[in-house]
Amino acid sequence: MGNDLRARIKRVAGSQKRWADATGMSTENVSRILTGKYPVPEWWEAMLELLERLPPKDWPERWR
């Protein structure tokens, strides 16, 4: 799951750091979640699904 999730985050945000900044999380917590040390928050899945389905021109400013 971590690799698939990591790939999805990279497609949407470009990097773990940008994902962390946009979600208000620390890069350390994002890394821990992606390595399986913490459970994946359900809202991550919802955000990824939303951003994957919206054209980038319709994304909120902080995601562009």
N, C-alpha and C. Protein backbone atom coordinates (compact mmCIF):
# COMPACT_ATOMS: atom_id res chain seq x y z
N MET A 1 0.82 -1.20 0.00
CA MET A 1 0.00 0.00 0.00
C MET A 1 0.86 1.26 0.00
N GLY A 2 1.95 1.26 0.73
CA GLY A 2 2.80 2.43 0.82
C GLY A 2 3.32 2.89 -0.52
N ASN A 3 3.74 1.94 -1.38
CA ASN A 3 4.26 2.32 -2.69
C ASN A 3 3.17 2.90 -3.58
N ASP A 4 1.99 2.29 -3.56
CA ASP A 4 0.87 2.82 -4.34
C ASP A 4 0.49 4.20 -3.84
N LEU A 5 0.40 4.35 -2.54
CA LEU A 5 0.05 5.63 -1.94
C LEU A 5 1.13 6.67 -2.25
N ARG A 6 2.37 6.27 -2.15
CA ARG A 6 3.49 7.17 -2.45
C ARG A 6 3.42 7.63 -3.91
N ALA A 7 3.11 6.72 -4.83
CA ALA A 7 3.01 7.07 -6.25
C ALA A 7 1.85 8.02 -6.49
N ARG A 8 0.74 7.80 -5.83
CA ARG A 8 -0.42 8.68 -5.98
C ARG A 8 -0.10 10.08 -5.46
N ILE A 9 0.57 10.15 -4.33
CA ILE A 9 0.94 11.45 -3.77
C ILE A 9 1.90 12.16 -4.70
N LYS A 10 2.84 11.42 -5.27
CA LYS A 10 3.80 12.03 -6.20
C LYS A 10 3.09 12.57 -7.44
N ARG A 11 2.10 11.84 -7.95
CA ARG A 11 1.34 12.31 -9.12
C ARG A 11 0.55 13.58 -8.80
N VAL A 12 -0.02 13.63 -7.62
CA VAL A 12 -0.88 14.76 -7.25
C VAL A 12 -0.08 15.96 -6.74
N ALA A 13 0.84 15.71 -5.83
CA ALA A 13 1.54 16.81 -5.17
C ALA A 13 2.96 17.03 -5.68
N GLY A 14 3.55 16.02 -6.26
CA GLY A 14 4.91 16.15 -6.76
C GLY A 14 5.97 15.64 -5.80
N SER A 15 5.71 15.79 -4.50
CA SER A 15 6.69 15.31 -3.51
C SER A 15 6.00 15.15 -2.15
N GLN A 16 6.65 14.41 -1.29
CA GLN A 16 6.14 14.23 0.07
C GLN A 16 6.15 15.57 0.81
N LYS A 17 7.17 16.39 0.56
CA LYS A 17 7.25 17.69 1.24
C LYS A 17 6.07 18.58 0.84
N ARG A 18 5.77 18.62 -0.44
CA ARG A 18 4.65 19.45 -0.89
C ARG A 18 3.33 18.91 -0.33
N TRP A 19 3.18 17.59 -0.29
CA TRP A 19 1.98 16.98 0.31
C TRP A 19 1.87 17.38 1.78
N ALA A 20 2.99 17.30 2.49
CA ALA A 20 3.00 17.67 3.91
C ALA A 20 2.62 19.14 4.09
N ASP A 21 3.21 20.01 3.29
CA ASP A 21 2.90 21.45 3.39
C ASP A 21 1.43 21.71 3.10
N ALA A 22 0.90 21.09 2.06
CA ALA A 22 -0.49 21.34 1.66
C ALA A 22 -1.49 20.77 2.66
N THR A 23 -1.13 19.70 3.35
CA THR A 23 -2.05 19.08 4.31
C THR A 23 -1.82 19.57 5.73
N GLY A 24 -0.77 20.38 5.93
CA GLY A 24 -0.50 20.89 7.26
C GLY A 24 0.16 19.88 8.19
N MET A 25 0.76 18.86 7.61
CA MET A 25 1.44 17.84 8.41
C MET A 25 2.94 18.04 8.31
N SER A 26 3.66 17.45 9.24
CA SER A 26 5.12 17.49 9.14
C SER A 26 5.58 16.43 8.15
N THR A 27 6.73 16.67 7.55
CA THR A 27 7.27 15.68 6.61
C THR A 27 7.60 14.38 7.32
N GLU A 28 7.94 14.47 8.60
CA GLU A 28 8.24 13.27 9.38
C GLU A 28 7.00 12.39 9.53
N ASN A 29 5.85 13.01 9.82
CA ASN A 29 4.62 12.23 9.97
C ASN A 29 4.18 11.62 8.64
N VAL A 30 4.33 12.38 7.55
CA VAL A 30 4.00 11.84 6.24
C VAL A 30 4.87 10.62 5.96
N SER A 31 6.15 10.74 6.24
CA SER A 31 7.08 9.63 6.02
C SER A 31 6.69 8.42 6.87
N ARG A 32 6.33 8.64 8.11
CA ARG A 32 5.94 7.52 8.99
C ARG A 32 4.68 6.83 8.48
N ILE A 33 3.76 7.60 7.96
CA ILE A 33 2.53 7.01 7.42
C ILE A 33 2.86 6.18 6.18
N LEU A 34 3.70 6.72 5.31
CA LEU A 34 4.03 6.02 4.08
C LEU A 34 4.85 4.76 4.30
N THR A 35 5.57 4.70 5.41
CA THR A 35 6.34 3.48 5.71
C THR A 35 5.54 2.49 6.55
N GLY A 36 4.31 2.84 6.90
CA GLY A 36 3.45 1.91 7.62
C GLY A 36 3.56 1.98 9.13
N LYS A 37 4.30 2.93 9.66
CA LYS A 37 4.43 3.06 11.12
C LYS A 37 3.17 3.64 11.74
N TYR A 38 2.44 4.47 10.98
CA TYR A 38 1.17 5.03 11.41
C TYR A 38 0.11 4.63 10.39
N PRO A 39 -1.13 4.51 10.82
CA PRO A 39 -2.19 4.19 9.84
C PRO A 39 -2.42 5.36 8.88
N VAL A 40 -2.85 5.04 7.68
CA VAL A 40 -3.15 6.06 6.68
C VAL A 40 -4.47 6.73 7.07
N PRO A 41 -4.46 8.05 7.23
CA PRO A 41 -5.71 8.74 7.55
C PRO A 41 -6.73 8.58 6.42
N GLU A 42 -7.98 8.36 6.79
CA GLU A 42 -9.02 8.18 5.78
C GLU A 42 -9.18 9.42 4.90
N TRP A 43 -8.93 10.59 5.45
CA TRP A 43 -9.10 11.81 4.66
C TRP A 43 -8.04 11.92 3.57
N TRP A 44 -6.90 11.24 3.73
CA TRP A 44 -5.90 11.22 2.65
C TRP A 44 -6.50 10.58 1.41
N GLU A 45 -7.17 9.46 1.61
CA GLU A 45 -7.78 8.74 0.50
C GLU A 45 -8.81 9.63 -0.18
N ALA A 46 -9.62 10.32 0.61
CA ALA A 46 -10.63 11.21 0.04
C ALA A 46 -9.99 12.36 -0.74
N MET A 47 -8.95 12.96 -0.19
CA MET A 47 -8.26 14.05 -0.88
C MET A 47 -7.63 13.58 -2.18
N LEU A 48 -6.98 12.43 -2.14
CA LEU A 48 -6.36 11.90 -3.35
C LEU A 48 -7.41 11.62 -4.43
N GLU A 49 -8.51 11.01 -4.04
CA GLU A 49 -9.57 10.72 -5.01
C GLU A 49 -10.10 12.01 -5.63
N LEU A 50 -10.33 13.02 -4.82
CA LEU A 50 -10.83 14.29 -5.32
C LEU A 50 -9.84 14.93 -6.28
N LEU A 51 -8.58 15.02 -5.88
CA LEU A 51 -7.57 15.67 -6.72
C LEU A 51 -7.30 14.88 -7.99
N GLU A 52 -7.37 13.56 -7.92
CA GLU A 52 -7.14 12.75 -9.12
C GLU A 52 -8.26 12.92 -10.14
N ARG A 53 -9.45 13.22 -9.69
CA ARG A 53 -10.60 13.34 -10.59
C ARG A 53 -10.81 14.76 -11.12
N LEU A 54 -10.31 15.75 -10.41
CA LEU A 54 -10.46 17.14 -10.85
C LEU A 54 -9.35 17.51 -11.83
N PRO A 55 -9.67 18.27 -12.86
CA PRO A 55 -8.59 18.78 -13.71
C PRO A 55 -7.72 19.74 -12.89
N PRO A 56 -6.42 19.74 -13.10
CA PRO A 56 -5.53 20.61 -12.31
C PRO A 56 -5.94 22.08 -12.30
N LYS A 57 -6.57 22.56 -13.35
CA LYS A 57 -6.98 23.98 -13.37
C LYS A 57 -8.04 24.28 -12.31
N ASP A 58 -8.75 23.25 -11.83
CA ASP A 58 -9.78 23.43 -10.82
C ASP A 58 -9.30 23.15 -9.40
N TRP A 59 -8.03 22.79 -9.26
CA TRP A 59 -7.48 22.50 -7.93
C TRP A 59 -7.38 23.78 -7.09
N PRO A 60 -7.45 23.63 -5.78
CA PRO A 60 -7.20 24.80 -4.92
C PRO A 60 -5.79 25.34 -5.16
N GLU A 61 -5.60 26.59 -4.92
CA GLU A 61 -4.33 27.26 -5.19
C GLU A 61 -3.12 26.56 -4.57
N ARG A 62 -3.25 26.09 -3.34
CA ARG A 62 -2.08 25.49 -2.68
C ARG A 62 -1.67 24.14 -3.30
N TRP A 63 -2.49 23.57 -4.15
CA TRP A 63 -2.14 22.30 -4.81
C TRP A 63 -1.51 22.50 -6.17
N ARG A 64 -1.51 23.70 -6.69
CA ARG A 64 -0.98 23.93 -8.04
C ARG A 64 0.50 24.09 -8.04
